[in-house]
Amino acid sequence: MNIPEDKVNSSMNTYISYQSWHFEDGSEVFEPEEDGLNFNEWIMENHSWVDLAFDELEIEKSEANYKDLYDAIQLEDFRSGSCGGCI
């Protein structure tokens, strides 16, 4: 499947709620964050490469299949600073 290079190793920008994690004055700070596009916005922004991928994989271009893809990506979508594992 041809995923655009700018999306391969970065956030896919689906809508998620998460906790950002950082240090402030020597203490750990967790802050609630919300980021990304909802399903309809995301499909509108990404339909060109998604449609090509569906064609390549012979997947029907239906709302249910688009939603399944969005949901699967959303489960794995990552935001920098959301886990603190790099610190």
C-alpha atoms as a PDB file:
ATOM      1  CA  MET A   1       0.000   0.000   0.000  1.00  0.00           C
ATOM      2  CA  ASN A   2       1.376   3.419  -0.923  1.00  0.00           C
ATOM      3  CA  ILE A   3       1.240   5.593   2.181  1.00  0.00           C
ATOM      4  CA  PRO A   4       2.640   9.099   1.636  1.00  0.00           C
ATOM      5  CA  GLU A   5       6.190   9.449   2.955  1.00  0.00           C
ATOM      6  CA  ASP A   6       5.245  12.283   5.301  1.00  0.00           C
ATOM      7  CA  LYS A   7       2.800   9.940   7.065  1.00  0.00           C
ATOM      8  CA  VAL A   8       4.886   6.760   7.275  1.00  0.00           C
ATOM      9  CA  ASN A   9       6.839   7.664  10.408  1.00  0.00           C
ATOM     10  CA  SER A  10       4.628  10.355  11.911  1.00  0.00           C
ATOM     11  CA  SER A  11       1.147  10.935  13.201  1.00  0.00           C
ATOM     12  CA  MET A  12      -1.617  10.081  10.765  1.00  0.00           C
ATOM     13  CA  ASN A  13      -3.611  12.954  12.325  1.00  0.00           C
ATOM     14  CA  THR A  14      -6.713  10.989  13.328  1.00  0.00           C
ATOM     15  CA  TYR A  15      -8.640  12.483  16.249  1.00  0.00           C
ATOM     16  CA  ILE A  16      -7.367  11.225  19.584  1.00  0.00           C
ATOM     17  CA  SER A  17      -7.380  12.212  23.233  1.00  0.00           C
ATOM     18  CA  TYR A  18      -4.186  11.518  25.133  1.00  0.00           C
ATOM     19  CA  GLN A  19      -1.986  12.676  27.994  1.00  0.00           C
ATOM     20  CA  SER A  20       1.098  14.681  27.119  1.00  0.00           C
ATOM     21  CA  TRP A  21       4.028  14.088  29.453  1.00  0.00           C
ATOM     22  CA  HIS A  22       6.877  16.370  30.329  1.00  0.00           C
ATOM     23  CA  PHE A  23       8.933  17.739  33.221  1.00  0.00           C
ATOM     24  CA  GLU A  24       8.217  21.124  34.707  1.00  0.00           C
ATOM     25  CA  ASP A  25      10.261  22.491  37.623  1.00  0.00           C
ATOM     26  CA  GLY A  26      11.635  18.993  38.282  1.00  0.00           C
ATOM     27  CA  SER A  27       8.218  17.333  38.473  1.00  0.00           C
ATOM     28  CA  GLU A  28       6.416  15.104  36.032  1.00  0.00           C
ATOM     29  CA  VAL A  29       3.430  16.810  34.432  1.00  0.00           C
ATOM     30  CA  PHE A  30       0.633  15.039  32.578  1.00  0.00           C
ATOM     31  CA  GLU A  31      -1.763  17.234  30.634  1.00  0.00           C
ATOM     32  CA  PRO A  32      -4.875  16.193  28.711  1.00  0.00           C
ATOM     33  CA  GLU A  33      -4.617  16.838  24.972  1.00  0.00           C
ATOM     34  CA  GLU A  34      -6.940  16.432  21.993  1.00  0.00           C
ATOM     35  CA  ASP A  35      -5.638  16.512  18.466  1.00  0.00           C
ATOM     36  CA  GLY A  36      -6.413  15.457  14.909  1.00  0.00           C
ATOM     37  CA  LEU A  37      -9.212  15.233  12.408  1.00  0.00           C
ATOM     38  CA  ASN A  38     -12.528  13.475  12.866  1.00  0.00           C
ATOM     39  CA  PHE A  39     -13.482  10.742  10.400  1.00  0.00           C
ATOM     40  CA  ASN A  40     -15.140  12.966   7.768  1.00  0.00           C
ATOM     41  CA  GLU A  41     -12.350  15.571   7.846  1.00  0.00           C
ATOM     42  CA  TRP A  42      -9.663  12.882   7.721  1.00  0.00           C
ATOM     43  CA  ILE A  43     -11.183  11.117   4.708  1.00  0.00           C
ATOM     44  CA  MET A  44     -11.561  14.427   2.847  1.00  0.00           C
ATOM     45  CA  GLU A  45      -7.884  15.242   3.486  1.00  0.00           C
ATOM     46  CA  ASN A  46      -6.558  11.756   2.687  1.00  0.00           C
ATOM     47  CA  HIS A  47      -8.958  10.411   0.067  1.00  0.00           C
ATOM     48  CA  SER A  48      -6.441  10.558  -2.788  1.00  0.00           C
ATOM     49  CA  TRP A  49      -3.928   8.084  -1.323  1.00  0.00           C
ATOM     50  CA  VAL A  50      -6.623   6.035   0.450  1.00  0.00           C
ATOM     51  CA  ASP A  51      -8.523   5.583  -2.829  1.00  0.00           C
ATOM     52  CA  LEU A  52      -5.329   4.499  -4.596  1.00  0.00           C
ATOM     53  CA  ALA A  53      -4.624   1.989  -1.821  1.00  0.00           C
ATOM     54  CA  PHE A  54      -8.176   0.635  -1.997  1.00  0.00           C
ATOM     55  CA  ASP A  55      -7.825   0.255  -5.780  1.00  0.00           C
ATOM     56  CA  GLU A  56      -4.481  -1.514  -5.383  1.00  0.00           C
ATOM     57  CA  LEU A  57      -5.899  -3.906  -2.782  1.00  0.00           C
ATOM     58  CA  GLU A  58      -9.252  -4.264  -4.575  1.00  0.00           C
ATOM     59  CA  ILE A  59     -11.211  -2.970  -1.591  1.00  0.00           C
ATOM     60  CA  GLU A  60     -14.640  -1.482  -2.220  1.00  0.00           C
ATOM     61  CA  LYS A  61     -14.746   2.287  -1.674  1.00  0.00           C
ATOM     62  CA  SER A  62     -17.603   2.321   0.799  1.00  0.00           C
ATOM     63  CA  GLU A  63     -18.154   4.425   3.894  1.00  0.00           C
ATOM     64  CA  ALA A  64     -17.939   1.277   6.044  1.00  0.00           C
ATOM     65  CA  ASN A  65     -14.509   0.394   4.618  1.00  0.00           C
ATOM     66  CA  TYR A  66     -13.247   3.967   4.976  1.00  0.00           C
ATOM     67  CA  LYS A  67     -14.462   3.950   8.596  1.00  0.00           C
ATOM     68  CA  ASP A  68     -12.782   0.602   9.269  1.00  0.00           C
ATOM     69  CA  LEU A  69      -9.485   1.989   7.949  1.00  0.00           C
ATOM     70  CA  TYR A  70      -9.813   5.195   9.987  1.00  0.00           C
ATOM     71  CA  ASP A  71     -10.614   3.227  13.153  1.00  0.00           C
ATOM     72  CA  ALA A  72      -7.655   0.877  12.641  1.00  0.00           C
ATOM     73  CA  ILE A  73      -5.255   3.774  12.079  1.00  0.00           C
ATOM     74  CA  GLN A  74      -6.702   5.698  15.015  1.00  0.00           C
ATOM     75  CA  LEU A  75      -5.981   2.783  17.374  1.00  0.00           C
ATOM     76  CA  GLU A  76      -2.276   2.975  16.507  1.00  0.00           C
ATOM     77  CA  ASP A  77      -1.935   6.718  15.904  1.00  0.00           C
ATOM     78  CA  PHE A  78       0.779   8.267  18.036  1.00  0.00           C
ATOM     79  CA  ARG A  79       1.555  11.777  19.194  1.00  0.00           C
ATOM     80  CA  SER A  80       5.055  12.815  20.151  1.00  0.00           C
ATOM     81  CA  GLY A  81       5.306  13.469  23.883  1.00  0.00           C
ATOM     82  CA  SER A  82       2.343  11.263  24.751  1.00  0.00           C
ATOM     83  CA  CYS A  83       4.228   8.528  26.595  1.00  0.00           C
ATOM     84  CA  GLY A  84       7.502   9.956  27.867  1.00  0.00           C
ATOM     85  CA  GLY A  85       9.356   6.826  26.817  1.00  0.00           C
ATOM     86  CA  CYS A  86      12.116   8.800  25.110  1.00  0.00           C
ATOM     87  CA  ILE A  87      13.082  10.682  28.280  1.00  0.00           C
END
